[in-house]
Amino acid sequence: LTEDNFNKANGIRMSVQPFLIITEKDYI
C-alpha cells in the first residue's frame, strides 16, 4: 500500500510485521 494506491487497492488490508526479541541469552 502506497499513497498512490491506498484508496484504490482492493482486498484485505494488513501489515506484515515480524518481531525480534533480544534477551540476555538469545536473539529470537
mmCIF file of all heavy atoms, coordinates in Angstrom:
data_MODEL
# 
_entry.id   MODEL 
# 
loop_
_atom_site.group_PDB 
_atom_site.id 
_atom_site.type_symbol 
_atom_site.label_atom_id 
_atom_site.label_alt_id 
_atom_site.label_comp_id 
_atom_site.label_asym_id 
_atom_site.label_entity_id 
_atom_site.label_seq_id 
_atom_site.pdbx_PDB_ins_code 
_atom_site.Cartn_x 
_atom_site.Cartn_y 
_atom_site.Cartn_z 
_atom_site.occupancy 
_atom_site.B_iso_or_equiv 
_atom_site.pdbx_formal_charge 
_atom_site.auth_seq_id 
_atom_site.auth_comp_id 
_atom_site.auth_asym_id 
_atom_site.auth_atom_id 
_atom_site.pdbx_PDB_model_num 
ATOM 1   N N   . LEU A 1 1  ? 0.838   -1.190  0.000  1.00 0.00 ? 1  LEU A N   1 
ATOM 2   C CA  . LEU A 1 1  ? 0.000   0.000   0.000  1.00 0.00 ? 1  LEU A CA  1 
ATOM 3   C C   . LEU A 1 1  ? 0.880   1.248   0.000  1.00 0.00 ? 1  LEU A C   1 
ATOM 4   O O   . LEU A 1 1  ? 1.797   1.371   0.813  1.00 0.00 ? 1  LEU A O   1 
ATOM 5   C CB  . LEU A 1 1  ? -0.918  0.005   1.220  1.00 0.00 ? 1  LEU A CB  1 
ATOM 6   C CG  . LEU A 1 1  ? -2.018  -1.061  1.236  1.00 0.00 ? 1  LEU A CG  1 
ATOM 7   C CD1 . LEU A 1 1  ? -2.752  -1.040  2.570  1.00 0.00 ? 1  LEU A CD1 1 
ATOM 8   C CD2 . LEU A 1 1  ? -3.003  -0.852  0.087  1.00 0.00 ? 1  LEU A CD2 1 
ATOM 9   N N   . THR A 1 2  ? 0.594   2.148   -0.917 1.00 0.00 ? 2  THR A N   1 
ATOM 10  C CA  . THR A 1 2  ? 1.327   3.412   -1.026 1.00 0.00 ? 2  THR A CA  1 
ATOM 11  C C   . THR A 1 2  ? 0.319   4.562   -1.038 1.00 0.00 ? 2  THR A C   1 
ATOM 12  O O   . THR A 1 2  ? -0.892  4.359   -1.082 1.00 0.00 ? 2  THR A O   1 
ATOM 13  C CB  . THR A 1 2  ? 2.151   3.447   -2.318 1.00 0.00 ? 2  THR A CB  1 
ATOM 14  O OG1 . THR A 1 2  ? 1.254   3.445   -3.451 1.00 0.00 ? 2  THR A OG1 1 
ATOM 15  C CG2 . THR A 1 2  ? 3.075   2.230   -2.408 1.00 0.00 ? 2  THR A CG2 1 
ATOM 16  N N   . GLU A 1 3  ? 0.838   5.789   -1.032 1.00 0.00 ? 3  GLU A N   1 
ATOM 17  C CA  . GLU A 1 3  ? -0.045  6.947   -1.109 1.00 0.00 ? 3  GLU A CA  1 
ATOM 18  C C   . GLU A 1 3  ? -0.856  6.922   -2.407 1.00 0.00 ? 3  GLU A C   1 
ATOM 19  O O   . GLU A 1 3  ? -2.001  7.367   -2.444 1.00 0.00 ? 3  GLU A O   1 
ATOM 20  C CB  . GLU A 1 3  ? 0.774   8.236   -1.019 1.00 0.00 ? 3  GLU A CB  1 
ATOM 21  C CG  . GLU A 1 3  ? 1.383   8.485   0.352  1.00 0.00 ? 3  GLU A CG  1 
ATOM 22  C CD  . GLU A 1 3  ? 2.108   9.812   0.412  1.00 0.00 ? 3  GLU A CD  1 
ATOM 23  O OE1 . GLU A 1 3  ? 2.090   10.541  -0.602 1.00 0.00 ? 3  GLU A OE1 1 
ATOM 24  O OE2 . GLU A 1 3  ? 2.696   10.123  1.466  1.00 0.00 ? 3  GLU A OE2 1 
ATOM 25  N N   . ASP A 1 4  ? -0.266  6.400   -3.468 1.00 0.00 ? 4  ASP A N   1 
ATOM 26  C CA  . ASP A 1 4  ? -0.925  6.418   -4.774 1.00 0.00 ? 4  ASP A CA  1 
ATOM 27  C C   . ASP A 1 4  ? -2.075  5.419   -4.872 1.00 0.00 ? 4  ASP A C   1 
ATOM 28  O O   . ASP A 1 4  ? -3.078  5.683   -5.540 1.00 0.00 ? 4  ASP A O   1 
ATOM 29  C CB  . ASP A 1 4  ? 0.091   6.131   -5.888 1.00 0.00 ? 4  ASP A CB  1 
ATOM 30  C CG  . ASP A 1 4  ? 1.116   7.240   -6.029 1.00 0.00 ? 4  ASP A CG  1 
ATOM 31  O OD1 . ASP A 1 4  ? 0.785   8.394   -5.678 1.00 0.00 ? 4  ASP A OD1 1 
ATOM 32  O OD2 . ASP A 1 4  ? 2.241   6.955   -6.473 1.00 0.00 ? 4  ASP A OD2 1 
ATOM 33  N N   . ASN A 1 5  ? -1.915  4.246   -4.213 1.00 0.00 ? 5  ASN A N   1 
ATOM 34  C CA  . ASN A 1 5  ? -2.936  3.209   -4.395 1.00 0.00 ? 5  ASN A CA  1 
ATOM 35  C C   . ASN A 1 5  ? -3.778  2.934   -3.149 1.00 0.00 ? 5  ASN A C   1 
ATOM 36  O O   . ASN A 1 5  ? -4.635  2.061   -3.163 1.00 0.00 ? 5  ASN A O   1 
ATOM 37  C CB  . ASN A 1 5  ? -2.285  1.894   -4.861 1.00 0.00 ? 5  ASN A CB  1 
ATOM 38  C CG  . ASN A 1 5  ? -1.451  1.223   -3.772 1.00 0.00 ? 5  ASN A CG  1 
ATOM 39  O OD1 . ASN A 1 5  ? -1.400  1.652   -2.630 1.00 0.00 ? 5  ASN A OD1 1 
ATOM 40  N ND2 . ASN A 1 5  ? -0.762  0.161   -4.146 1.00 0.00 ? 5  ASN A ND2 1 
ATOM 41  N N   . PHE A 1 6  ? -3.534  3.688   -2.079 1.00 0.00 ? 6  PHE A N   1 
ATOM 42  C CA  . PHE A 1 6  ? -4.163  3.346   -0.803 1.00 0.00 ? 6  PHE A CA  1 
ATOM 43  C C   . PHE A 1 6  ? -5.685  3.347   -0.899 1.00 0.00 ? 6  PHE A C   1 
ATOM 44  O O   . PHE A 1 6  ? -6.348  2.474   -0.331 1.00 0.00 ? 6  PHE A O   1 
ATOM 45  C CB  . PHE A 1 6  ? -3.715  4.323   0.291  1.00 0.00 ? 6  PHE A CB  1 
ATOM 46  C CG  . PHE A 1 6  ? -4.122  3.903   1.678  1.00 0.00 ? 6  PHE A CG  1 
ATOM 47  C CD1 . PHE A 1 6  ? -3.331  3.026   2.413  1.00 0.00 ? 6  PHE A CD1 1 
ATOM 48  C CD2 . PHE A 1 6  ? -5.305  4.350   2.246  1.00 0.00 ? 6  PHE A CD2 1 
ATOM 49  C CE1 . PHE A 1 6  ? -3.708  2.615   3.688  1.00 0.00 ? 6  PHE A CE1 1 
ATOM 50  C CE2 . PHE A 1 6  ? -5.695  3.948   3.510  1.00 0.00 ? 6  PHE A CE2 1 
ATOM 51  C CZ  . PHE A 1 6  ? -4.897  3.082   4.228  1.00 0.00 ? 6  PHE A CZ  1 
ATOM 52  N N   . ASN A 1 7  ? -6.247  4.305   -1.607 1.00 0.00 ? 7  ASN A N   1 
ATOM 53  C CA  . ASN A 1 7  ? -7.703  4.405   -1.697 1.00 0.00 ? 7  ASN A CA  1 
ATOM 54  C C   . ASN A 1 7  ? -8.287  3.582   -2.836 1.00 0.00 ? 7  ASN A C   1 
ATOM 55  O O   . ASN A 1 7  ? -9.510  3.532   -3.005 1.00 0.00 ? 7  ASN A O   1 
ATOM 56  C CB  . ASN A 1 7  ? -8.114  5.873   -1.858 1.00 0.00 ? 7  ASN A CB  1 
ATOM 57  C CG  . ASN A 1 7  ? -7.794  6.697   -0.625 1.00 0.00 ? 7  ASN A CG  1 
ATOM 58  O OD1 . ASN A 1 7  ? -7.962  6.234   0.497  1.00 0.00 ? 7  ASN A OD1 1 
ATOM 59  N ND2 . ASN A 1 7  ? -7.325  7.918   -0.834 1.00 0.00 ? 7  ASN A ND2 1 
ATOM 60  N N   . LYS A 1 8  ? -7.421  2.950   -3.619 1.00 0.00 ? 8  LYS A N   1 
ATOM 61  C CA  . LYS A 1 8  ? -7.883  2.187   -4.776 1.00 0.00 ? 8  LYS A CA  1 
ATOM 62  C C   . LYS A 1 8  ? -7.734  0.687   -4.592 1.00 0.00 ? 8  LYS A C   1 
ATOM 63  O O   . LYS A 1 8  ? -8.424  -0.098  -5.243 1.00 0.00 ? 8  LYS A O   1 
ATOM 64  C CB  . LYS A 1 8  ? -7.103  2.609   -6.023 1.00 0.00 ? 8  LYS A CB  1 
ATOM 65  C CG  . LYS A 1 8  ? -7.184  4.096   -6.340 1.00 0.00 ? 8  LYS A CG  1 
ATOM 66  C CD  . LYS A 1 8  ? -6.272  4.442   -7.512 1.00 0.00 ? 8  LYS A CD  1 
ATOM 67  C CE  . LYS A 1 8  ? -6.260  5.945   -7.769 1.00 0.00 ? 8  LYS A CE  1 
ATOM 68  N NZ  . LYS A 1 8  ? -5.321  6.293   -8.864 1.00 0.00 ? 8  LYS A NZ  1 
ATOM 69  N N   . ALA A 1 9  ? -6.805  0.286   -3.725 1.00 0.00 ? 9  ALA A N   1 
ATOM 70  C CA  . ALA A 1 9  ? -6.479  -1.132  -3.603 1.00 0.00 ? 9  ALA A CA  1 
ATOM 71  C C   . ALA A 1 9  ? -7.642  -1.914  -3.006 1.00 0.00 ? 9  ALA A C   1 
ATOM 72  O O   . ALA A 1 9  ? -8.287  -1.476  -2.040 1.00 0.00 ? 9  ALA A O   1 
ATOM 73  C CB  . ALA A 1 9  ? -5.230  -1.311  -2.740 1.00 0.00 ? 9  ALA A CB  1 
ATOM 74  N N   . ASN A 1 10 ? -7.916  -3.060  -3.598 1.00 0.00 ? 10 ASN A N   1 
ATOM 75  C CA  . ASN A 1 10 ? -8.934  -3.958  -3.081 1.00 0.00 ? 10 ASN A CA  1 
ATOM 76  C C   . ASN A 1 10 ? -8.287  -5.004  -2.179 1.00 0.00 ? 10 ASN A C   1 
ATOM 77  O O   . ASN A 1 10 ? -7.068  -5.117  -2.095 1.00 0.00 ? 10 ASN A O   1 
ATOM 78  C CB  . ASN A 1 10 ? -9.671  -4.642  -4.238 1.00 0.00 ? 10 ASN A CB  1 
ATOM 79  C CG  . ASN A 1 10 ? -10.429 -3.648  -5.089 1.00 0.00 ? 10 ASN A CG  1 
ATOM 80  O OD1 . ASN A 1 10 ? -11.058 -2.735  -4.572 1.00 0.00 ? 10 ASN A OD1 1 
ATOM 81  N ND2 . ASN A 1 10 ? -10.375 -3.826  -6.406 1.00 0.00 ? 10 ASN A ND2 1 
ATOM 82  N N   . GLY A 1 11 ? -9.094  -5.797  -1.536 1.00 0.00 ? 11 GLY A N   1 
ATOM 83  C CA  . GLY A 1 11 ? -8.570  -6.876  -0.712 1.00 0.00 ? 11 GLY A CA  1 
ATOM 84  C C   . GLY A 1 11 ? -8.492  -6.496  0.753  1.00 0.00 ? 11 GLY A C   1 
ATOM 85  O O   . GLY A 1 11 ? -8.775  -5.365  1.159  1.00 0.00 ? 11 GLY A O   1 
ATOM 86  N N   . ILE A 1 12 ? -8.080  -7.449  1.551  1.00 0.00 ? 12 ILE A N   1 
ATOM 87  C CA  . ILE A 1 12 ? -7.915  -7.246  2.991  1.00 0.00 ? 12 ILE A CA  1 
ATOM 88  C C   . ILE A 1 12 ? -6.642  -6.451  3.232  1.00 0.00 ? 12 ILE A C   1 
ATOM 89  O O   . ILE A 1 12 ? -5.607  -6.701  2.615  1.00 0.00 ? 12 ILE A O   1 
ATOM 90  C CB  . ILE A 1 12 ? -7.841  -8.597  3.717  1.00 0.00 ? 12 ILE A CB  1 
ATOM 91  C CG1 . ILE A 1 12 ? -9.142  -9.377  3.491  1.00 0.00 ? 12 ILE A CG1 1 
ATOM 92  C CG2 . ILE A 1 12 ? -7.595  -8.410  5.211  1.00 0.00 ? 12 ILE A CG2 1 
ATOM 93  C CD1 . ILE A 1 12 ? -9.091  -10.790 4.012  1.00 0.00 ? 12 ILE A CD1 1 
ATOM 94  N N   . ARG A 1 13 ? -6.696  -5.512  4.139  1.00 0.00 ? 13 ARG A N   1 
ATOM 95  C CA  . ARG A 1 13 ? -5.529  -4.674  4.442  1.00 0.00 ? 13 ARG A CA  1 
ATOM 96  C C   . ARG A 1 13 ? -4.898  -5.129  5.750  1.00 0.00 ? 13 ARG A C   1 
ATOM 97  O O   . ARG A 1 13 ? -5.591  -5.304  6.753  1.00 0.00 ? 13 ARG A O   1 
ATOM 98  C CB  . ARG A 1 13 ? -5.935  -3.206  4.517  1.00 0.00 ? 13 ARG A CB  1 
ATOM 99  C CG  . ARG A 1 13 ? -6.506  -2.715  3.206  1.00 0.00 ? 13 ARG A CG  1 
ATOM 100 C CD  . ARG A 1 13 ? -6.827  -1.242  3.232  1.00 0.00 ? 13 ARG A CD  1 
ATOM 101 N NE  . ARG A 1 13 ? -7.378  -0.826  1.945  1.00 0.00 ? 13 ARG A NE  1 
ATOM 102 C CZ  . ARG A 1 13 ? -7.308  0.404   1.465  1.00 0.00 ? 13 ARG A CZ  1 
ATOM 103 N NH1 . ARG A 1 13 ? -6.719  1.342   2.169  1.00 0.00 ? 13 ARG A NH1 1 
ATOM 104 N NH2 . ARG A 1 13 ? -7.827  0.689   0.290  1.00 0.00 ? 13 ARG A NH2 1 
ATOM 105 N N   . MET A 1 14 ? -3.616  -5.301  5.711  1.00 0.00 ? 14 MET A N   1 
ATOM 106 C CA  . MET A 1 14 ? -2.899  -5.742  6.900  1.00 0.00 ? 14 MET A CA  1 
ATOM 107 C C   . MET A 1 14 ? -1.422  -5.375  6.783  1.00 0.00 ? 14 MET A C   1 
ATOM 108 O O   . MET A 1 14 ? -0.898  -5.186  5.684  1.00 0.00 ? 14 MET A O   1 
ATOM 109 C CB  . MET A 1 14 ? -3.024  -7.265  7.077  1.00 0.00 ? 14 MET A CB  1 
ATOM 110 C CG  . MET A 1 14 ? -2.384  -8.077  5.978  1.00 0.00 ? 14 MET A CG  1 
ATOM 111 S SD  . MET A 1 14 ? -2.497  -9.875  6.237  1.00 0.00 ? 14 MET A SD  1 
ATOM 112 C CE  . MET A 1 14 ? -4.259  -10.116 6.031  1.00 0.00 ? 14 MET A CE  1 
ATOM 113 N N   . SER A 1 15 ? -0.782  -5.267  7.904  1.00 0.00 ? 15 SER A N   1 
ATOM 114 C CA  . SER A 1 15 ? 0.675   -5.155  7.909  1.00 0.00 ? 15 SER A CA  1 
ATOM 115 C C   . SER A 1 15 ? 1.292   -6.538  7.908  1.00 0.00 ? 15 SER A C   1 
ATOM 116 O O   . SER A 1 15 ? 0.616   -7.541  8.162  1.00 0.00 ? 15 SER A O   1 
ATOM 117 C CB  . SER A 1 15 ? 1.152   -4.390  9.152  1.00 0.00 ? 15 SER A CB  1 
ATOM 118 O OG  . SER A 1 15 ? 0.996   -5.199  10.311 1.00 0.00 ? 15 SER A OG  1 
ATOM 119 N N   . VAL A 1 16 ? 2.574   -6.612  7.606  1.00 0.00 ? 16 VAL A N   1 
ATOM 120 C CA  . VAL A 1 16 ? 3.377   -7.812  7.849  1.00 0.00 ? 16 VAL A CA  1 
ATOM 121 C C   . VAL A 1 16 ? 4.519   -7.356  8.744  1.00 0.00 ? 16 VAL A C   1 
ATOM 122 O O   . VAL A 1 16 ? 5.360   -6.559  8.336  1.00 0.00 ? 16 VAL A O   1 
ATOM 123 C CB  . VAL A 1 16 ? 3.893   -8.442  6.551  1.00 0.00 ? 16 VAL A CB  1 
ATOM 124 C CG1 . VAL A 1 16 ? 4.780   -9.639  6.869  1.00 0.00 ? 16 VAL A CG1 1 
ATOM 125 C CG2 . VAL A 1 16 ? 2.718   -8.864  5.656  1.00 0.00 ? 16 VAL A CG2 1 
ATOM 126 N N   . GLN A 1 17 ? 4.531   -7.854  9.971  1.00 0.00 ? 17 GLN A N   1 
ATOM 127 C CA  . GLN A 1 17 ? 5.411   -7.302  10.997 1.00 0.00 ? 17 GLN A CA  1 
ATOM 128 C C   . GLN A 1 17 ? 5.965   -8.389  11.920 1.00 0.00 ? 17 GLN A C   1 
ATOM 129 O O   . GLN A 1 17 ? 5.423   -8.636  12.996 1.00 0.00 ? 17 GLN A O   1 
ATOM 130 C CB  . GLN A 1 17 ? 4.631   -6.267  11.816 1.00 0.00 ? 17 GLN A CB  1 
ATOM 131 C CG  . GLN A 1 17 ? 5.435   -5.518  12.838 1.00 0.00 ? 17 GLN A CG  1 
ATOM 132 C CD  . GLN A 1 17 ? 4.688   -4.304  13.327 1.00 0.00 ? 17 GLN A CD  1 
ATOM 133 O OE1 . GLN A 1 17 ? 5.094   -3.190  13.061 1.00 0.00 ? 17 GLN A OE1 1 
ATOM 134 N NE2 . GLN A 1 17 ? 3.575   -4.488  14.052 1.00 0.00 ? 17 GLN A NE2 1 
ATOM 135 N N   . PRO A 1 18 ? 7.028   -9.073  11.498 1.00 0.00 ? 18 PRO A N   1 
ATOM 136 C CA  . PRO A 1 18 ? 7.717   -9.972  12.427 1.00 0.00 ? 18 PRO A CA  1 
ATOM 137 C C   . PRO A 1 18 ? 8.348   -9.170  13.571 1.00 0.00 ? 18 PRO A C   1 
ATOM 138 O O   . PRO A 1 18 ? 8.428   -7.928  13.516 1.00 0.00 ? 18 PRO A O   1 
ATOM 139 C CB  . PRO A 1 18 ? 8.792   -10.634 11.551 1.00 0.00 ? 18 PRO A CB  1 
ATOM 140 C CG  . PRO A 1 18 ? 8.346   -10.397 10.143 1.00 0.00 ? 18 PRO A CG  1 
ATOM 141 C CD  . PRO A 1 18 ? 7.622   -9.084  10.159 1.00 0.00 ? 18 PRO A CD  1 
ATOM 142 N N   . PHE A 1 19 ? 8.803   -9.889  14.570 1.00 0.00 ? 19 PHE A N   1 
ATOM 143 C CA  . PHE A 1 19 ? 9.442   -9.237  15.713 1.00 0.00 ? 19 PHE A CA  1 
ATOM 144 C C   . PHE A 1 19 ? 10.754  -9.934  16.051 1.00 0.00 ? 19 PHE A C   1 
ATOM 145 O O   . PHE A 1 19 ? 10.863  -11.160 15.947 1.00 0.00 ? 19 PHE A O   1 
ATOM 146 C CB  . PHE A 1 19 ? 8.529   -9.290  16.946 1.00 0.00 ? 19 PHE A CB  1 
ATOM 147 C CG  . PHE A 1 19 ? 7.330   -8.400  16.836 1.00 0.00 ? 19 PHE A CG  1 
ATOM 148 C CD1 . PHE A 1 19 ? 6.167   -8.857  16.242 1.00 0.00 ? 19 PHE A CD1 1 
ATOM 149 C CD2 . PHE A 1 19 ? 7.359   -7.105  17.319 1.00 0.00 ? 19 PHE A CD2 1 
ATOM 150 C CE1 . PHE A 1 19 ? 5.046   -8.051  16.128 1.00 0.00 ? 19 PHE A CE1 1 
ATOM 151 C CE2 . PHE A 1 19 ? 6.242   -6.277  17.214 1.00 0.00 ? 19 PHE A CE2 1 
ATOM 152 C CZ  . PHE A 1 19 ? 5.086   -6.758  16.615 1.00 0.00 ? 19 PHE A CZ  1 
ATOM 153 N N   . LEU A 1 20 ? 11.721  -9.125  16.461 1.00 0.00 ? 20 LEU A N   1 
ATOM 154 C CA  . LEU A 1 20 ? 12.949  -9.643  17.045 1.00 0.00 ? 20 LEU A CA  1 
ATOM 155 C C   . LEU A 1 20 ? 12.940  -9.298  18.524 1.00 0.00 ? 20 LEU A C   1 
ATOM 156 O O   . LEU A 1 20 ? 12.715  -8.137  18.897 1.00 0.00 ? 20 LEU A O   1 
ATOM 157 C CB  . LEU A 1 20 ? 14.175  -9.012  16.377 1.00 0.00 ? 20 LEU A CB  1 
ATOM 158 C CG  . LEU A 1 20 ? 15.520  -9.341  17.025 1.00 0.00 ? 20 LEU A CG  1 
ATOM 159 C CD1 . LEU A 1 20 ? 15.845  -10.825 16.922 1.00 0.00 ? 20 LEU A CD1 1 
ATOM 160 C CD2 . LEU A 1 20 ? 16.644  -8.513  16.413 1.00 0.00 ? 20 LEU A CD2 1 
ATOM 161 N N   . ILE A 1 21 ? 13.159  -10.309 19.357 1.00 0.00 ? 21 ILE A N   1 
ATOM 162 C CA  . ILE A 1 21 ? 13.267  -10.087 20.793 1.00 0.00 ? 21 ILE A CA  1 
ATOM 163 C C   . ILE A 1 21 ? 14.674  -10.476 21.230 1.00 0.00 ? 21 ILE A C   1 
ATOM 164 O O   . ILE A 1 21 ? 15.128  -11.600 20.974 1.00 0.00 ? 21 ILE A O   1 
ATOM 165 C CB  . ILE A 1 21 ? 12.216  -10.899 21.566 1.00 0.00 ? 21 ILE A CB  1 
ATOM 166 C CG1 . ILE A 1 21 ? 10.813  -10.428 21.175 1.00 0.00 ? 21 ILE A CG1 1 
ATOM 167 C CG2 . ILE A 1 21 ? 12.434  -10.766 23.066 1.00 0.00 ? 21 ILE A CG2 1 
ATOM 168 C CD1 . ILE A 1 21 ? 9.701   -11.055 21.973 1.00 0.00 ? 21 ILE A CD1 1 
ATOM 169 N N   . ILE A 1 22 ? 15.330  -9.535  21.859 1.00 0.00 ? 22 ILE A N   1 
ATOM 170 C CA  . ILE A 1 22 ? 16.697  -9.758  22.342 1.00 0.00 ? 22 ILE A CA  1 
ATOM 171 C C   . ILE A 1 22 ? 16.653  -9.940  23.858 1.00 0.00 ? 22 ILE A C   1 
ATOM 172 O O   . ILE A 1 22 ? 16.174  -9.062  24.586 1.00 0.00 ? 22 ILE A O   1 
ATOM 173 C CB  . ILE A 1 22 ? 17.615  -8.583  21.974 1.00 0.00 ? 22 ILE A CB  1 
ATOM 174 C CG1 . ILE A 1 22 ? 17.619  -8.359  20.460 1.00 0.00 ? 22 ILE A CG1 1 
ATOM 175 C CG2 . ILE A 1 22 ? 19.034  -8.840  22.475 1.00 0.00 ? 22 ILE A CG2 1 
ATOM 176 C CD1 . ILE A 1 22 ? 18.390  -7.121  20.033 1.00 0.00 ? 22 ILE A CD1 1 
ATOM 177 N N   . THR A 1 23 ? 17.117  -11.082 24.312 1.00 0.00 ? 23 THR A N   1 
ATOM 178 C CA  . THR A 1 23 ? 17.252  -11.335 25.737 1.00 0.00 ? 23 THR A CA  1 
ATOM 179 C C   . THR A 1 23 ? 18.740  -11.476 26.068 1.00 0.00 ? 23 THR A C   1 
ATOM 180 O O   . THR A 1 23 ? 19.597  -11.370 25.194 1.00 0.00 ? 23 THR A O   1 
ATOM 181 C CB  . THR A 1 23 ? 16.502  -12.618 26.144 1.00 0.00 ? 23 THR A CB  1 
ATOM 182 O OG1 . THR A 1 23 ? 17.161  -13.748 25.548 1.00 0.00 ? 23 THR A OG1 1 
ATOM 183 C CG2 . THR A 1 23 ? 15.051  -12.583 25.667 1.00 0.00 ? 23 THR A CG2 1 
ATOM 184 N N   . GLU A 1 24 ? 19.025  -11.730 27.314 1.00 0.00 ? 24 GLU A N   1 
ATOM 185 C CA  . GLU A 1 24 ? 20.420  -11.908 27.707 1.00 0.00 ? 24 GLU A CA  1 
ATOM 186 C C   . GLU A 1 24 ? 21.044  -13.130 27.035 1.00 0.00 ? 24 GLU A C   1 
ATOM 187 O O   . GLU A 1 24 ? 22.242  -13.180 26.811 1.00 0.00 ? 24 GLU A O   1 
ATOM 188 C CB  . GLU A 1 24 ? 20.529  -12.039 29.232 1.00 0.00 ? 24 GLU A CB  1 
ATOM 189 C CG  . GLU A 1 24 ? 20.160  -10.764 29.986 1.00 0.00 ? 24 GLU A CG  1 
ATOM 190 C CD  . GLU A 1 24 ? 20.250  -10.945 31.482 1.00 0.00 ? 24 GLU A CD  1 
ATOM 191 O OE1 . GLU A 1 24 ? 20.655  -12.040 31.925 1.00 0.00 ? 24 GLU A OE1 1 
ATOM 192 O OE2 . GLU A 1 24 ? 19.913  -9.992  32.213 1.00 0.00 ? 24 GLU A OE2 1 
ATOM 193 N N   . LYS A 1 25 ? 20.206  -14.125 26.669 1.00 0.00 ? 25 LYS A N   1 
ATOM 194 C CA  . LYS A 1 25 ? 20.719  -15.383 26.125 1.00 0.00 ? 25 LYS A CA  1 
ATOM 195 C C   . LYS A 1 25 ? 20.500  -15.538 24.627 1.00 0.00 ? 25 LYS A C   1 
ATOM 196 O O   . LYS A 1 25 ? 21.223  -16.301 23.974 1.00 0.00 ? 25 LYS A O   1 
ATOM 197 C CB  . LYS A 1 25 ? 20.056  -16.566 26.839 1.00 0.00 ? 25 LYS A CB  1 
ATOM 198 C CG  . LYS A 1 25 ? 20.364  -16.638 28.325 1.00 0.00 ? 25 LYS A CG  1 
ATOM 199 C CD  . LYS A 1 25 ? 19.656  -17.828 28.962 1.00 0.00 ? 25 LYS A CD  1 
ATOM 200 C CE  . LYS A 1 25 ? 19.945  -17.915 30.452 1.00 0.00 ? 25 LYS A CE  1 
ATOM 201 N NZ  . LYS A 1 25 ? 19.235  -19.057 31.090 1.00 0.00 ? 25 LYS A NZ  1 
ATOM 202 N N   . ASP A 1 26 ? 19.489  -14.862 24.050 1.00 0.00 ? 26 ASP A N   1 
ATOM 203 C CA  . ASP A 1 26 ? 19.084  -15.166 22.681 1.00 0.00 ? 26 ASP A CA  1 
ATOM 204 C C   . ASP A 1 26 ? 18.695  -13.931 21.884 1.00 0.00 ? 26 ASP A C   1 
ATOM 205 O O   . ASP A 1 26 ? 18.293  -12.905 22.442 1.00 0.00 ? 26 ASP A O   1 
ATOM 206 C CB  . ASP A 1 26 ? 17.874  -16.114 22.687 1.00 0.00 ? 26 ASP A CB  1 
ATOM 207 C CG  . ASP A 1 26 ? 18.248  -17.563 22.953 1.00 0.00 ? 26 ASP A CG  1 
ATOM 208 O OD1 . ASP A 1 26 ? 19.036  -18.120 22.168 1.00 0.00 ? 26 ASP A OD1 1 
ATOM 209 O OD2 . ASP A 1 26 ? 17.759  -18.123 23.952 1.00 0.00 ? 26 ASP A OD2 1 
ATOM 210 N N   . TYR A 1 27 ? 18.796  -14.098 20.552 1.00 0.00 ? 27 TYR A N   1 
ATOM 211 C CA  . TYR A 1 27 ? 18.180  -13.196 19.583 1.00 0.00 ? 27 TYR A CA  1 
ATOM 212 C C   . TYR A 1 27 ? 17.080  -14.016 18.907 1.00 0.00 ? 27 TYR A C   1 
ATOM 213 O O   . TYR A 1 27 ? 17.371  -14.918 18.126 1.00 0.00 ? 27 TYR A O   1 
ATOM 214 C CB  . TYR A 1 27 ? 19.199  -12.724 18.547 1.00 0.00 ? 27 TYR A CB  1 
ATOM 215 C CG  . TYR A 1 27 ? 20.167  -11.666 19.041 1.00 0.00 ? 27 TYR A CG  1 
ATOM 216 C CD1 . TYR A 1 27 ? 21.100  -11.939 20.036 1.00 0.00 ? 27 TYR A CD1 1 
ATOM 217 C CD2 . TYR A 1 27 ? 20.144  -10.380 18.500 1.00 0.00 ? 27 TYR A CD2 1 
ATOM 218 C CE1 . TYR A 1 27 ? 21.985  -10.977 20.480 1.00 0.00 ? 27 TYR A CE1 1 
ATOM 219 C CE2 . TYR A 1 27 ? 21.041  -9.402  18.936 1.00 0.00 ? 27 TYR A CE2 1 
ATOM 220 C CZ  . TYR A 1 27 ? 21.946  -9.712  19.929 1.00 0.00 ? 27 TYR A CZ  1 
ATOM 221 O OH  . TYR A 1 27 ? 22.830  -8.759  20.368 1.00 0.00 ? 27 TYR A OH  1 
ATOM 222 N N   . ILE A 1 28 ? 15.822  -13.681 19.196 1.00 0.00 ? 28 ILE A N   1 
ATOM 223 C CA  . ILE A 1 28 ? 14.691  -14.542 18.839 1.00 0.00 ? 28 ILE A CA  1 
ATOM 224 C C   . ILE A 1 28 ? 13.819  -13.849 17.794 1.00 0.00 ? 28 ILE A C   1 
ATOM 225 O O   . ILE A 1 28 ? 13.302  -12.751 18.039 1.00 0.00 ? 28 ILE A O   1 
ATOM 226 C CB  . ILE A 1 28 ? 13.835  -14.851 20.080 1.00 0.00 ? 28 ILE A CB  1 
ATOM 227 C CG1 . ILE A 1 28 ? 14.695  -15.463 21.194 1.00 0.00 ? 28 ILE A CG1 1 
ATOM 228 C CG2 . ILE A 1 28 ? 12.667  -15.754 19.724 1.00 0.00 ? 28 ILE A CG2 1 
ATOM 229 C CD1 . ILE A 1 28 ? 14.071  -15.356 22.570 1.00 0.00 ? 28 ILE A CD1 1 
# 
